[in-house]
Amino acid sequence: MRLKKNSIPKILAVAVFIFGFSIVVNFNSIKNQLFTAVLPSVLINLSNHDRLTAQLPKLTVNSRLQKAAQLKALDMATRGYFSHNTPEGQTPWYWLDLVGYNYASAGENLAVNFDDSSDVDLAWMNSPSHRENILNKKYTEIGIATAKGMYQGQEAVFVVQFFGKPAPLRENPLTLARANY
């Protein structure tokens, strides 16, 4: 079979079209992966924006709350459960105690199977109990973490959001006695 000279430009045009189309499809897929993600820093900003909108002070990031959230998220992702309590019955406060976070009050929000931070925040704000945590006047600190794992047979992102108000520091009686001497 021989090609006619006027067929070559048509074949090239079709090839260029197919090549260009595949670049656009792949770019959109890559763009969605790059620009849709559940990111702790974005969730912190969204929670603080929700608080500012409600005329509440911003929450400060606490490294111990971050660490507790990371440990809890990794535990859920590794073991494939989604609950405030571990399968053995350990409560959320177990994770705070584990990292040495001494709290006067604390709260926890969880999320799973989201692929965008704004969707997580919207779901939390549409849930009365989660919204109550985000807008709780008692809380002054926040820590958020994510982990990837399997949940119900599918890959999932687990999100843990801890809130806290540190317990007042206890004065050392020996230090007080020296100060009054």
N, C-alpha and C. Protein backbone atom coordinates (compact mmCIF):
# COMPACT_ATOMS: atom_id res chain seq x y z
N MET A 1 0.86 -1.18 0.00
CA MET A 1 0.00 0.00 0.00
C MET A 1 0.89 1.22 0.00
N ARG A 2 0.60 2.15 -0.86
CA ARG A 2 1.39 3.37 -0.98
C ARG A 2 0.55 4.54 -0.48
N LEU A 3 1.24 5.45 0.20
CA LEU A 3 0.58 6.67 0.66
C LEU A 3 0.67 7.73 -0.41
N LYS A 4 -0.37 8.48 -0.55
CA LYS A 4 -0.36 9.60 -1.46
C LYS A 4 0.29 10.78 -0.76
N LYS A 5 0.89 11.66 -1.52
CA LYS A 5 1.58 12.82 -0.92
C LYS A 5 0.64 13.69 -0.10
N ASN A 6 -0.59 13.84 -0.51
CA ASN A 6 -1.52 14.69 0.25
C ASN A 6 -2.04 14.01 1.51
N SER A 7 -1.80 12.71 1.71
CA SER A 7 -2.21 11.97 2.91
C SER A 7 -1.27 12.24 4.08
N ILE A 8 -0.01 12.51 3.81
CA ILE A 8 0.98 12.69 4.87
C ILE A 8 0.61 13.85 5.80
N PRO A 9 0.24 15.03 5.31
CA PRO A 9 -0.15 16.11 6.23
C PRO A 9 -1.37 15.74 7.08
N LYS A 10 -2.31 15.00 6.53
CA LYS A 10 -3.49 14.59 7.29
C LYS A 10 -3.11 13.63 8.40
N ILE A 11 -2.24 12.69 8.09
CA ILE A 11 -1.78 11.72 9.11
C ILE A 11 -1.01 12.46 10.20
N LEU A 12 -0.15 13.38 9.81
CA LEU A 12 0.60 14.17 10.80
C LEU A 12 -0.34 15.00 11.67
N ALA A 13 -1.35 15.58 11.09
CA ALA A 13 -2.31 16.38 11.85
C ALA A 13 -3.04 15.51 12.87
N VAL A 14 -3.45 14.31 12.48
CA VAL A 14 -4.13 13.40 13.40
C VAL A 14 -3.16 12.99 14.52
N ALA A 15 -1.92 12.69 14.17
CA ALA A 15 -0.92 12.29 15.18
C ALA A 15 -0.68 13.43 16.16
N VAL A 16 -0.53 14.65 15.66
CA VAL A 16 -0.31 15.81 16.54
C VAL A 16 -1.53 16.02 17.44
N PHE A 17 -2.73 15.86 16.89
CA PHE A 17 -3.94 16.00 17.69
C PHE A 17 -3.98 14.96 18.81
N ILE A 18 -3.71 13.72 18.48
CA ILE A 18 -3.72 12.65 19.49
C ILE A 18 -2.65 12.90 20.55
N PHE A 19 -1.46 13.29 20.12
CA PHE A 19 -0.38 13.59 21.06
C PHE A 19 -0.76 14.74 21.98
N GLY A 20 -1.31 15.82 21.40
CA GLY A 20 -1.73 16.98 22.20
C GLY A 20 -2.84 16.62 23.17
N PHE A 21 -3.79 15.81 22.72
CA PHE A 21 -4.88 15.38 23.59
C PHE A 21 -4.36 14.57 24.77
N SER A 22 -3.41 13.67 24.52
CA SER A 22 -2.86 12.86 25.62
C SER A 22 -2.09 13.72 26.61
N ILE A 23 -1.43 14.77 26.15
CA ILE A 23 -0.73 15.68 27.06
C ILE A 23 -1.74 16.41 27.95
N VAL A 24 -2.83 16.89 27.37
CA VAL A 24 -3.86 17.60 28.14
C VAL A 24 -4.48 16.67 29.18
N VAL A 25 -4.82 15.45 28.81
CA VAL A 25 -5.43 14.50 29.74
C VAL A 25 -4.46 14.19 30.87
N ASN A 26 -3.21 13.91 30.53
CA ASN A 26 -2.22 13.61 31.57
C ASN A 26 -1.95 14.82 32.46
N PHE A 27 -1.91 16.02 31.89
CA PHE A 27 -1.68 17.22 32.69
C PHE A 27 -2.81 17.42 33.69
N ASN A 28 -4.05 17.23 33.25
CA ASN A 28 -5.19 17.38 34.18
C ASN A 28 -5.12 16.36 35.29
N SER A 29 -4.71 15.15 34.99
CA SER A 29 -4.56 14.13 36.04
C SER A 29 -3.47 14.52 37.02
N ILE A 30 -2.33 14.96 36.52
CA ILE A 30 -1.22 15.38 37.38
C ILE A 30 -1.61 16.62 38.17
N LYS A 31 -2.27 17.57 37.53
CA LYS A 31 -2.70 18.80 38.22
C LYS A 31 -3.63 18.46 39.37
N ASN A 32 -4.57 17.55 39.16
CA ASN A 32 -5.49 17.16 40.24
C ASN A 32 -4.74 16.53 41.40
N GLN A 33 -3.72 15.72 41.11
CA GLN A 33 -2.94 15.10 42.18
C GLN A 33 -2.10 16.14 42.92
N LEU A 34 -1.59 17.14 42.21
CA LEU A 34 -0.75 18.14 42.85
C LEU A 34 -1.55 19.15 43.66
N PHE A 35 -2.71 19.50 43.18
CA PHE A 35 -3.45 20.60 43.79
C PHE A 35 -4.61 20.16 44.68
N THR A 36 -4.88 18.88 44.75
CA THR A 36 -5.88 18.40 45.69
C THR A 36 -5.19 17.43 46.64
N ALA A 37 -5.09 17.84 47.85
CA ALA A 37 -4.46 17.02 48.87
C ALA A 37 -4.97 17.48 50.23
N VAL A 38 -4.89 16.59 51.19
CA VAL A 38 -5.24 16.94 52.56
C VAL A 38 -3.92 17.28 53.26
N LEU A 39 -3.75 18.55 53.57
CA LEU A 39 -2.50 19.04 54.15
C LEU A 39 -2.76 19.64 55.53
N PRO A 40 -2.02 19.19 56.54
CA PRO A 40 -2.22 19.73 57.89
C PRO A 40 -2.11 21.25 57.96
N SER A 41 -1.14 21.84 57.29
CA SER A 41 -0.98 23.30 57.36
C SER A 41 -2.19 24.02 56.79
N VAL A 42 -2.76 23.48 55.73
CA VAL A 42 -3.95 24.09 55.13
C VAL A 42 -5.14 23.93 56.08
N LEU A 43 -5.28 22.75 56.70
CA LEU A 43 -6.38 22.54 57.64
C LEU A 43 -6.27 23.46 58.85
N ILE A 44 -5.05 23.71 59.32
CA ILE A 44 -4.86 24.64 60.43
C ILE A 44 -5.33 26.03 60.02
N ASN A 45 -4.93 26.45 58.82
CA ASN A 45 -5.36 27.77 58.33
C ASN A 45 -6.87 27.84 58.18
N LEU A 46 -7.48 26.78 57.67
CA LEU A 46 -8.94 26.78 57.51
C LEU A 46 -9.65 26.81 58.86
N SER A 47 -9.15 26.05 59.83
CA SER A 47 -9.75 26.06 61.18
C SER A 47 -9.63 27.44 61.80
N ASN A 48 -8.46 28.06 61.64
CA ASN A 48 -8.28 29.41 62.19
C ASN A 48 -9.15 30.43 61.46
N HIS A 49 -9.35 30.24 60.17
CA HIS A 49 -10.25 31.13 59.44
C HIS A 49 -11.68 30.98 59.96
N ASP A 50 -12.10 29.73 60.21
CA ASP A 50 -13.44 29.49 60.78
C ASP A 50 -13.57 30.19 62.13
N ARG A 51 -12.52 30.12 62.94
CA ARG A 51 -12.56 30.76 64.27
C ARG A 51 -12.61 32.29 64.13
N LEU A 52 -11.81 32.83 63.24
CA LEU A 52 -11.81 34.29 63.06
C LEU A 52 -13.17 34.78 62.56
N THR A 53 -13.79 33.99 61.68
CA THR A 53 -15.12 34.33 61.18
C THR A 53 -16.13 34.36 62.33
N ALA A 54 -15.93 33.50 63.31
CA ALA A 54 -16.81 33.45 64.49
C ALA A 54 -16.31 34.39 65.60
N GLN A 55 -15.37 35.24 65.26
CA GLN A 55 -14.79 36.23 66.19
C GLN A 55 -14.13 35.57 67.40
N LEU A 56 -13.43 34.47 67.13
CA LEU A 56 -12.66 33.78 68.15
C LEU A 56 -11.18 33.90 67.84
N PRO A 57 -10.33 33.84 68.85
CA PRO A 57 -8.89 33.94 68.59
C PRO A 57 -8.37 32.72 67.84
N LYS A 58 -7.29 32.93 67.09
CA LYS A 58 -6.65 31.84 66.36
C LYS A 58 -6.04 30.85 67.35
N LEU A 59 -5.92 29.62 66.89
CA LEU A 59 -5.26 28.57 67.66
C LEU A 59 -3.78 28.55 67.30
N THR A 60 -2.94 28.28 68.29
CA THR A 60 -1.50 28.18 68.09
C THR A 60 -1.14 26.72 67.86
N VAL A 61 -0.27 26.48 66.91
CA VAL A 61 0.19 25.11 66.66
C VAL A 61 1.08 24.67 67.81
N ASN A 62 0.80 23.49 68.34
CA ASN A 62 1.60 22.92 69.42
C ASN A 62 2.25 21.65 68.90
N SER A 63 3.58 21.56 69.04
CA SER A 63 4.32 20.42 68.48
C SER A 63 3.92 19.09 69.14
N ARG A 64 3.54 19.12 70.41
CA ARG A 64 3.12 17.88 71.06
C ARG A 64 1.76 17.42 70.54
N LEU A 65 0.87 18.37 70.29
CA LEU A 65 -0.42 18.01 69.69
C LEU A 65 -0.22 17.47 68.28
N GLN A 66 0.72 18.07 67.55
CA GLN A 66 1.05 17.59 66.20
C GLN A 66 1.55 16.14 66.28
N LYS A 67 2.44 15.88 67.22
CA LYS A 67 3.02 14.55 67.38
C LYS A 67 1.94 13.53 67.78
N ALA A 68 1.08 13.90 68.71
CA ALA A 68 -0.01 13.01 69.12
C ALA A 68 -0.92 12.71 67.93
N ALA A 69 -1.24 13.73 67.13
CA ALA A 69 -2.08 13.54 65.95
C ALA A 69 -1.40 12.60 64.95
N GLN A 70 -0.09 12.78 64.77
CA GLN A 70 0.65 11.92 63.83
C GLN A 70 0.65 10.47 64.29
N LEU A 71 0.89 10.26 65.58
CA LEU A 71 0.88 8.89 66.11
C LEU A 71 -0.49 8.23 65.95
N LYS A 72 -1.54 8.97 66.23
CA LYS A 72 -2.91 8.44 66.11
C LYS A 72 -3.24 8.15 64.64
N ALA A 73 -2.90 9.09 63.74
CA ALA A 73 -3.18 8.89 62.31
C ALA A 73 -2.42 7.66 61.79
N LEU A 74 -1.16 7.53 62.17
CA LEU A 74 -0.37 6.37 61.73
C LEU A 74 -0.94 5.07 62.28
N ASP A 75 -1.42 5.09 63.52
CA ASP A 75 -2.00 3.89 64.11
C ASP A 75 -3.25 3.47 63.34
N MET A 76 -4.13 4.43 63.04
CA MET A 76 -5.34 4.10 62.29
C MET A 76 -4.99 3.61 60.88
N ALA A 77 -4.03 4.29 60.23
CA ALA A 77 -3.65 3.91 58.86
C ALA A 77 -2.99 2.54 58.82
N THR A 78 -2.15 2.26 59.79
CA THR A 78 -1.44 0.99 59.83
C THR A 78 -2.38 -0.18 60.13
N ARG A 79 -3.32 0.07 61.03
CA ARG A 79 -4.19 -1.02 61.46
C ARG A 79 -5.57 -1.01 60.80
N GLY A 80 -5.84 0.01 59.98
CA GLY A 80 -7.06 0.03 59.18
C GLY A 80 -8.35 0.23 59.95
N TYR A 81 -8.32 1.00 61.02
CA TYR A 81 -9.57 1.31 61.74
C TYR A 81 -9.79 2.81 61.70
N PHE A 82 -11.02 3.23 61.96
CA PHE A 82 -11.37 4.64 61.99
C PHE A 82 -12.30 4.86 63.17
N SER A 83 -11.75 5.37 64.27
CA SER A 83 -12.54 5.55 65.48
C SER A 83 -11.77 6.43 66.46
N HIS A 84 -12.52 7.10 67.33
CA HIS A 84 -11.86 7.88 68.38
C HIS A 84 -11.10 6.96 69.33
N ASN A 85 -11.61 5.75 69.54
CA ASN A 85 -10.95 4.78 70.40
C ASN A 85 -10.27 3.71 69.56
N THR A 86 -9.12 3.23 70.03
CA THR A 86 -8.43 2.15 69.34
C THR A 86 -9.25 0.86 69.48
N PRO A 87 -8.95 -0.16 68.69
CA PRO A 87 -9.65 -1.43 68.85
C PRO A 87 -9.54 -2.00 70.27
N GLU A 88 -8.48 -1.63 70.98
CA GLU A 88 -8.32 -2.10 72.37
C GLU A 88 -9.02 -1.19 73.37
N GLY A 89 -9.62 -0.10 72.90
CA GLY A 89 -10.36 0.79 73.78
C GLY A 89 -9.59 1.99 74.31
N GLN A 90 -8.37 2.20 73.80
CA GLN A 90 -7.62 3.39 74.24
C GLN A 90 -8.31 4.64 73.68
N THR A 91 -8.52 5.62 74.55
CA THR A 91 -9.22 6.84 74.17
C THR A 91 -8.27 7.82 73.47
N PRO A 92 -8.79 8.89 72.89
CA PRO A 92 -7.92 9.90 72.27
C PRO A 92 -6.89 10.47 73.24
N TRP A 93 -7.24 10.49 74.51
CA TRP A 93 -6.36 11.12 75.50
C TRP A 93 -5.09 10.28 75.73
N TYR A 94 -5.15 9.01 75.37
CA TYR A 94 -3.97 8.15 75.42
C TYR A 94 -2.83 8.76 74.63
N TRP A 95 -3.14 9.28 73.43
CA TRP A 95 -2.11 9.83 72.54
C TRP A 95 -1.53 11.12 73.12
N LEU A 96 -2.38 11.91 73.77
CA LEU A 96 -1.90 13.15 74.40
C LEU A 96 -0.98 12.82 75.57
N ASP A 97 -1.37 11.83 76.37
CA ASP A 97 -0.53 11.40 77.49
C ASP A 97 0.79 10.83 76.99
N LEU A 98 0.74 10.09 75.88
CA LEU A 98 1.93 9.45 75.32
C LEU A 98 3.01 10.47 74.96
N VAL A 99 2.59 11.64 74.47
CA VAL A 99 3.57 12.67 74.07
C VAL A 99 3.82 13.69 75.18
N GLY A 100 3.18 13.50 76.33
CA GLY A 100 3.42 14.40 77.46
C GLY A 100 2.71 15.73 77.35
N TYR A 101 1.56 15.76 76.69
CA TYR A 101 0.79 17.01 76.60
C TYR A 101 -0.14 17.08 77.81
N ASN A 102 0.14 17.98 78.72
CA ASN A 102 -0.68 18.16 79.92
C ASN A 102 -1.77 19.18 79.58
N TYR A 103 -3.01 18.75 79.65
CA TYR A 103 -4.11 19.59 79.19
C TYR A 103 -5.15 19.82 80.29
N ALA A 104 -5.72 21.01 80.23
CA ALA A 104 -6.87 21.33 81.07
C ALA A 104 -8.14 20.88 80.35
N SER A 105 -8.14 21.00 79.02
CA SER A 105 -9.24 20.50 78.19
C SER A 105 -8.67 20.12 76.83
N ALA A 106 -9.33 19.18 76.17
CA ALA A 106 -8.86 18.69 74.88
C ALA A 106 -10.02 18.15 74.07
N GLY A 107 -9.82 18.12 72.76
CA GLY A 107 -10.83 17.58 71.85
C GLY A 107 -10.16 16.96 70.64
N GLU A 108 -10.93 16.15 69.91
CA GLU A 108 -10.39 15.47 68.73
C GLU A 108 -11.43 15.44 67.62
N ASN A 109 -10.99 15.74 66.39
CA ASN A 109 -11.79 15.54 65.20
C ASN A 109 -11.05 14.55 64.31
N LEU A 110 -11.79 13.69 63.63
CA LEU A 110 -11.22 12.72 62.70
C LEU A 110 -11.90 12.83 61.34
N ALA A 111 -11.16 12.43 60.31
CA ALA A 111 -11.74 12.36 58.96
C ALA A 111 -11.01 11.25 58.21
N VAL A 112 -11.71 10.65 57.25
CA VAL A 112 -11.11 9.62 56.40
C VAL A 112 -11.79 9.69 55.03
N ASN A 113 -11.05 9.29 54.02
CA ASN A 113 -11.55 9.21 52.64
C ASN A 113 -11.84 10.57 52.02
N PHE A 114 -11.06 11.56 52.36
CA PHE A 114 -11.13 12.87 51.69
C PHE A 114 -9.85 13.05 50.89
N ASP A 115 -9.94 13.84 49.81
CA ASP A 115 -8.72 14.10 49.05
C ASP A 115 -8.45 15.60 48.90
N ASP A 116 -9.17 16.42 49.68
CA ASP A 116 -8.94 17.86 49.61
C ASP A 116 -9.19 18.48 50.99
N SER A 117 -8.29 19.35 51.41
CA SER A 117 -8.39 19.97 52.73
C SER A 117 -9.68 20.75 52.91
N SER A 118 -10.10 21.48 51.89
CA SER A 118 -11.31 22.29 52.04
C SER A 118 -12.54 21.41 52.21
N ASP A 119 -12.54 20.22 51.60
CA ASP A 119 -13.67 19.30 51.78
C ASP A 119 -13.72 18.76 53.21
N VAL A 120 -12.54 18.51 53.80
CA VAL A 120 -12.49 18.06 55.20
C VAL A 120 -13.05 19.14 56.11
N ASP A 121 -12.57 20.37 55.92
CA ASP A 121 -13.03 21.48 56.77
C ASP A 121 -14.54 21.69 56.61
N LEU A 122 -15.03 21.63 55.40
CA LEU A 122 -16.47 21.81 55.15
C LEU A 122 -17.28 20.72 55.85
N ALA A 123 -16.81 19.48 55.77
CA ALA A 123 -17.51 18.38 56.45
C ALA A 123 -17.50 18.59 57.96
N TRP A 124 -16.35 18.99 58.51
CA TRP A 124 -16.28 19.24 59.95
C TRP A 124 -17.21 20.38 60.36
N MET A 125 -17.23 21.45 59.58
CA MET A 125 -18.08 22.59 59.94
C MET A 125 -19.56 22.28 59.76
N ASN A 126 -19.90 21.29 58.93
CA ASN A 126 -21.30 20.88 58.76
C ASN A 126 -21.74 19.84 59.78
N SER A 127 -20.81 19.38 60.61
CA SER A 127 -21.12 18.41 61.66
C SER A 127 -21.15 19.14 63.00
N PRO A 128 -22.27 19.13 63.72
CA PRO A 128 -22.36 19.89 64.97
C PRO A 128 -21.24 19.60 65.97
N SER A 129 -20.89 18.34 66.17
CA SER A 129 -19.87 18.03 67.18
C SER A 129 -18.47 18.44 66.72
N HIS A 130 -18.17 18.29 65.44
CA HIS A 130 -16.87 18.70 64.93
C HIS A 130 -16.76 20.24 64.93
N ARG A 131 -17.84 20.88 64.52
CA ARG A 131 -17.88 22.34 64.52
C ARG A 131 -17.67 22.88 65.94
N GLU A 132 -18.30 22.22 66.91
CA GLU A 132 -18.17 22.63 68.30
C GLU A 132 -16.71 22.58 68.74
N ASN A 133 -15.99 21.56 68.32
CA ASN A 133 -14.56 21.49 68.66
C ASN A 133 -13.78 22.64 68.02
N ILE A 134 -14.01 22.87 66.74
CA ILE A 134 -13.26 23.93 66.04
C ILE A 134 -13.54 25.29 66.65
N LEU A 135 -14.78 25.53 67.06
CA LEU A 135 -15.17 26.85 67.59
C LEU A 135 -15.21 26.90 69.12
N ASN A 136 -14.64 25.92 69.78
CA ASN A 136 -14.65 25.88 71.25
C ASN A 136 -13.75 26.98 71.80
N LYS A 137 -14.33 27.85 72.63
CA LYS A 137 -13.59 28.98 73.21
C LYS A 137 -12.50 28.54 74.17
N LYS A 138 -12.64 27.35 74.74
CA LYS A 138 -11.64 26.86 75.70
C LYS A 138 -10.30 26.58 75.04
N TYR A 139 -10.33 26.10 73.80
CA TYR A 139 -9.11 25.65 73.16
C TYR A 139 -8.24 26.81 72.70
N THR A 140 -6.94 26.64 72.91
CA THR A 140 -5.97 27.66 72.50
C THR A 140 -4.91 27.10 71.56
N GLU A 141 -4.84 25.76 71.47
CA GLU A 141 -3.79 25.13 70.67
C GLU A 141 -4.38 24.06 69.76
N ILE A 142 -3.61 23.74 68.70
CA ILE A 142 -4.08 22.78 67.71
C ILE A 142 -2.89 21.96 67.20
N GLY A 143 -3.18 20.76 66.77
CA GLY A 143 -2.21 19.90 66.09
C GLY A 143 -2.96 19.00 65.13
N ILE A 144 -2.49 18.92 63.89
CA ILE A 144 -3.16 18.11 62.86
C ILE A 144 -2.11 17.29 62.14
N ALA A 145 -2.49 16.07 61.79
CA ALA A 145 -1.62 15.20 61.01
C ALA A 145 -2.45 14.30 60.10
N THR A 146 -1.80 13.79 59.07
CA THR A 146 -2.43 12.85 58.14
C THR A 146 -1.54 11.63 57.98
N ALA A 147 -2.14 10.54 57.54
CA ALA A 147 -1.39 9.33 57.21
C ALA A 147 -2.18 8.55 56.16
N LYS A 148 -1.46 7.92 55.25
CA LYS A 148 -2.10 7.09 54.23
C LYS A 148 -2.06 5.64 54.67
N GLY A 149 -3.16 4.96 54.41
CA GLY A 149 -3.24 3.54 54.73
C GLY A 149 -4.44 2.94 54.05
N MET A 150 -4.79 1.75 54.46
CA MET A 150 -5.94 1.04 53.90
C MET A 150 -7.11 1.13 54.87
N TYR A 151 -8.29 1.41 54.31
CA TYR A 151 -9.52 1.43 55.11
C TYR A 151 -10.63 0.83 54.28
N GLN A 152 -11.25 -0.18 54.80
CA GLN A 152 -12.34 -0.89 54.11
C GLN A 152 -11.92 -1.33 52.71
N GLY A 153 -10.69 -1.83 52.60
CA GLY A 153 -10.20 -2.38 51.34
C GLY A 153 -9.73 -1.38 50.31
N GLN A 154 -9.68 -0.10 50.67
CA GLN A 154 -9.23 0.92 49.73
C GLN A 154 -8.19 1.81 50.37
N GLU A 155 -7.28 2.36 49.54
CA GLU A 155 -6.31 3.30 50.06
C GLU A 155 -7.04 4.56 50.53
N ALA A 156 -6.63 5.07 51.68
CA ALA A 156 -7.33 6.21 52.27
C ALA A 156 -6.35 7.13 52.99
N VAL A 157 -6.77 8.38 53.13
CA VAL A 157 -6.03 9.34 53.94
C VAL A 157 -6.78 9.51 55.25
N PHE A 158 -6.08 9.30 56.36
CA PHE A 158 -6.63 9.46 57.70
C PHE A 158 -6.19 10.83 58.22
N VAL A 159 -7.13 11.57 58.81
CA VAL A 159 -6.83 12.91 59.34
C VAL A 159 -7.20 12.93 60.82
N VAL A 160 -6.25 13.44 61.63
CA VAL A 160 -6.49 13.60 63.07
C VAL A 160 -6.23 15.06 63.42
N GLN A 161 -7.19 15.66 64.08
CA GLN A 161 -7.10 17.06 64.52
C GLN A 161 -7.30 17.07 66.04
N PHE A 162 -6.24 17.47 66.76
CA PHE A 162 -6.33 17.59 68.21
C PHE A 162 -6.40 19.06 68.60
N PHE A 163 -7.21 19.34 69.60
CA PHE A 163 -7.31 20.66 70.20
C PHE A 163 -6.93 20.55 71.66
N GLY A 164 -6.40 21.64 72.21
CA GLY A 164 -6.10 21.58 73.63
C GLY A 164 -5.96 22.95 74.25
N LYS A 165 -6.08 22.93 75.54
CA LYS A 165 -5.74 24.07 76.38
C LYS A 165 -4.80 23.49 77.43
N PRO A 166 -3.56 23.99 77.48
CA PRO A 166 -2.61 23.42 78.43
C PRO A 166 -3.07 23.60 79.87
N ALA A 167 -2.73 22.61 80.67
CA ALA A 167 -2.98 22.71 82.11
C ALA A 167 -2.04 23.76 82.68
N PRO A 168 -2.49 24.50 83.69
CA PRO A 168 -1.59 25.48 84.30
C PRO A 168 -0.36 24.77 84.88
N LEU A 169 0.76 25.44 84.77
CA LEU A 169 1.97 24.88 85.35
C LEU A 169 1.86 24.89 86.86
N ARG A 170 2.27 23.81 87.44
CA ARG A 170 2.26 23.74 88.90
C ARG A 170 3.55 24.32 89.42
N GLU A 171 3.40 25.14 90.40
CA GLU A 171 4.59 25.73 91.03
C GLU A 171 5.28 24.69 91.89
N ASN A 172 6.56 24.64 91.78
CA ASN A 172 7.36 23.75 92.61
C ASN A 172 7.41 24.35 94.02
N PRO A 173 6.94 23.65 95.04
CA PRO A 173 6.92 24.20 96.41
C PRO A 173 8.31 24.64 96.87
N LEU A 174 9.36 23.94 96.44
CA LEU A 174 10.72 24.29 96.82
C LEU A 174 11.11 25.64 96.22
N THR A 175 10.70 25.87 94.95
CA THR A 175 10.99 27.15 94.30
C THR A 175 10.25 28.27 94.99
N LEU A 176 8.99 28.04 95.35
CA LEU A 176 8.21 29.06 96.05
C LEU A 176 8.83 29.39 97.41
N ALA A 177 9.28 28.36 98.12
CA ALA A 177 9.90 28.60 99.45
C ALA A 177 11.15 29.43 99.31
N ARG A 178 11.96 29.18 98.27
CA ARG A 178 13.18 29.95 98.06
C ARG A 178 12.84 31.40 97.68
N ALA A 179 11.77 31.55 96.88
CA ALA A 179 11.42 32.91 96.44
C ALA A 179 10.92 33.75 97.60
N ASN A 180 10.32 33.11 98.58
CA ASN A 180 9.78 33.85 99.72
C ASN A 180 10.82 34.01 100.84
N TYR A 181 11.99 33.47 100.71
CA TYR A 181 13.00 33.51 101.74
C TYR A 181 13.67 34.87 101.81
